[in-house]
C-alpha atoms as a PDB file:
ATOM      1  CA  MET A   1     -46.553 -71.406-106.853  1.00  0.00           C
ATOM      2  CA  TYR A   2     -43.028 -69.336-105.961  1.00  0.00           C
ATOM      3  CA  TYR A   3     -41.204 -69.685-102.913  1.00  0.00           C
ATOM      4  CA  PHE A   4     -38.741 -67.931-100.667  1.00  0.00           C
ATOM      5  CA  TYR A   5     -36.615 -69.947 -98.502  1.00  0.00           C
ATOM      6  CA  VAL A   6     -34.300 -69.762 -95.834  1.00  0.00           C
ATOM      7  CA  LEU A   7     -31.704 -72.576 -95.158  1.00  0.00           C
ATOM      8  CA  GLU A   8     -29.320 -72.480 -92.019  1.00  0.00           C
ATOM      9  CA  PHE A   9     -25.677 -74.003 -92.083  1.00  0.00           C
ATOM     10  CA  VAL A  10     -24.993 -76.672 -89.573  1.00  0.00           C
ATOM     11  CA  ARG A  11     -21.443 -75.864 -89.086  1.00  0.00           C
ATOM     12  CA  ASN A  12     -21.379 -71.891 -88.666  1.00  0.00           C
ATOM     13  CA  LYS A  13     -25.239 -71.209 -88.097  1.00  0.00           C
ATOM     14  CA  LYS A  14     -25.122 -68.760 -91.295  1.00  0.00           C
ATOM     15  CA  LEU A  15     -28.520 -68.242 -93.050  1.00  0.00           C
ATOM     16  CA  TYR A  16     -28.994 -68.214 -96.766  1.00  0.00           C
ATOM     17  CA  LYS A  17     -32.335 -66.525 -98.029  1.00  0.00           C
ATOM     18  CA  GLY A  18     -33.390 -67.361-101.626  1.00  0.00           C
ATOM     19  CA  PHE A  19     -36.465 -67.670-104.213  1.00  0.00           C
ATOM     20  CA  THR A  20     -37.201 -70.375-106.368  1.00  0.00           C
ATOM     21  CA  ALA A  21     -40.271 -71.497-108.580  1.00  0.00           C
ATOM     22  CA  ASP A  22     -39.511 -75.162-107.408  1.00  0.00           C
ATOM     23  CA  LEU A  23     -38.586 -75.701-104.168  1.00  0.00           C
ATOM     24  CA  ARG A  24     -37.810 -79.366-104.138  1.00  0.00           C
ATOM     25  CA  THR A  25     -35.386 -79.104-107.137  1.00  0.00           C
ATOM     26  CA  ARG A  26     -33.923 -75.791-105.838  1.00  0.00           C
ATOM     27  CA  ILE A  27     -32.820 -77.516-102.475  1.00  0.00           C
ATOM     28  CA  ALA A  28     -31.503 -80.723-104.660  1.00  0.00           C
ATOM     29  CA  GLU A  29     -29.251 -78.055-106.423  1.00  0.00           C
ATOM     30  CA  HIS A  30     -27.961 -76.728-103.055  1.00  0.00           C
ATOM     31  CA  LYS A  31     -27.400 -80.008-101.807  1.00  0.00           C
ATOM     32  CA  SER A  32     -25.383 -81.067-104.940  1.00  0.00           C
ATOM     33  CA  GLY A  33     -23.360 -78.077-104.739  1.00  0.00           C
ATOM     34  CA  LYS A  34     -24.604 -76.449-107.944  1.00  0.00           C
ATOM     35  CA  SER A  35     -24.784 -73.257-105.693  1.00  0.00           C
ATOM     36  CA  ASP A  36     -21.339 -71.674-104.825  1.00  0.00           C
ATOM     37  CA  PHE A  37     -22.580 -69.879-101.263  1.00  0.00           C
ATOM     38  CA  THR A  38     -24.272 -73.419-100.017  1.00  0.00           C
ATOM     39  CA  SER A  39     -21.328 -75.554-101.662  1.00  0.00           C
ATOM     40  CA  ARG A  40     -18.778 -73.315 -99.765  1.00  0.00           C
ATOM     41  CA  ASN A  41     -20.846 -73.367 -96.493  1.00  0.00           C
ATOM     42  CA  GLY A  42     -21.595 -77.203 -96.145  1.00  0.00           C
ATOM     43  CA  ASN A  43     -24.473 -78.954 -94.932  1.00  0.00           C
ATOM     44  CA  PHE A  44     -27.630 -76.966 -94.214  1.00  0.00           C
ATOM     45  CA  LYS A  45     -31.223 -77.375 -92.930  1.00  0.00           C
ATOM     46  CA  LEU A  46     -34.438 -75.684 -94.378  1.00  0.00           C
ATOM     47  CA  ILE A  47     -35.762 -73.744 -91.677  1.00  0.00           C
ATOM     48  CA  PHE A  48     -38.340 -71.598 -93.308  1.00  0.00           C
ATOM     49  CA  TYR A  49     -40.309 -70.844 -96.216  1.00  0.00           C
ATOM     50  CA  GLU A  50     -43.401 -68.813 -97.770  1.00  0.00           C
ATOM     51  CA  ALA A  51     -45.277 -69.658-100.755  1.00  0.00           C
ATOM     52  CA  PHE A  52     -46.757 -67.291-103.073  1.00  0.00           C
ATOM     53  CA  VAL A  53     -49.212 -67.317-106.259  1.00  0.00           C
ATOM     54  CA  ASN A  54     -47.508 -64.347-107.676  1.00  0.00           C
ATOM     55  CA  LYS A  55     -43.567 -64.569-108.898  1.00  0.00           C
ATOM     56  CA  LYS A  56     -43.436 -60.471-107.899  1.00  0.00           C
ATOM     57  CA  ASP A  57     -44.703 -61.129-104.311  1.00  0.00           C
ATOM     58  CA  ALA A  58     -42.022 -63.981-103.946  1.00  0.00           C
ATOM     59  CA  VAL A  59     -39.278 -61.867-105.018  1.00  0.00           C
ATOM     60  CA  ALA A  60     -40.313 -58.684-102.913  1.00  0.00           C
ATOM     61  CA  ALA A  61     -40.097 -61.013-100.054  1.00  0.00           C
ATOM     62  CA  GLU A  62     -36.785 -62.315-100.544  1.00  0.00           C
ATOM     63  CA  LYS A  63     -35.626 -58.715-101.293  1.00  0.00           C
ATOM     64  CA  TYR A  64     -37.283 -57.423 -98.079  1.00  0.00           C
ATOM     65  CA  PHE A  65     -35.755 -60.099 -95.759  1.00  0.00           C
ATOM     66  CA  LYS A  66     -32.227 -59.355 -96.930  1.00  0.00           C
ATOM     67  CA  THR A  67     -32.640 -55.813 -95.460  1.00  0.00           C
ATOM     68  CA  GLY A  68     -31.859 -55.013 -92.065  1.00  0.00           C
ATOM     69  CA  HIS A  69     -35.593 -54.509 -90.912  1.00  0.00           C
ATOM     70  CA  GLY A  70     -36.304 -57.829 -92.672  1.00  0.00           C
ATOM     71  CA  ARG A  71     -33.785 -59.820 -91.219  1.00  0.00           C
ATOM     72  CA  GLU A  72     -35.294 -58.533 -87.655  1.00  0.00           C
ATOM     73  CA  VAL A  73     -38.757 -59.535 -88.620  1.00  0.00           C
ATOM     74  CA  LEU A  74     -37.280 -62.808 -90.074  1.00  0.00           C
ATOM     75  CA  LYS A  75     -35.578 -63.208 -86.449  1.00  0.00           C
ATOM     76  CA  ASP A  76     -39.077 -62.405 -84.972  1.00  0.00           C
ATOM     77  CA  LYS A  77     -40.788 -65.366 -87.100  1.00  0.00           C
ATOM     78  CA  LEU A  78     -38.544 -67.767 -86.008  1.00  0.00           C
ATOM     79  CA  ASN A  79     -38.104 -67.002 -82.474  1.00  0.00           C
ATOM     80  CA  HIS A  80     -38.881 -69.755 -80.848  1.00  0.00           C
ATOM     81  CA  TYR A  81     -36.628 -71.718 -83.427  1.00  0.00           C
ATOM     82  CA  LEU A  82     -33.469 -69.469 -83.480  1.00  0.00           C
ATOM     83  CA  GLY A  83     -33.491 -69.254 -79.645  1.00  0.00           C
ATOM     84  CA  GLU A  84     -33.086 -72.844 -79.048  1.00  0.00           C
ATOM     85  CA  VAL A  85     -30.007 -73.375 -81.469  1.00  0.00           C
END
């Protein structure tokens, strides 16, 4: 499986969007500081992920959700969560 995922940073509420073939390992890498962006922004929560059978679909999802329209669609998907924050 391949995954598109979203992390939310506790301190500043920034969202990080990424793609991986191994979600558990990738989250562990973020926690260990192996990612420059996540190491600069501190603690985070995994707030969303989608699983795909095809790698190209997961990569396309990451690319889409990083666009202006994609950010709006993601905001709608997470409306209840983001509305509570």
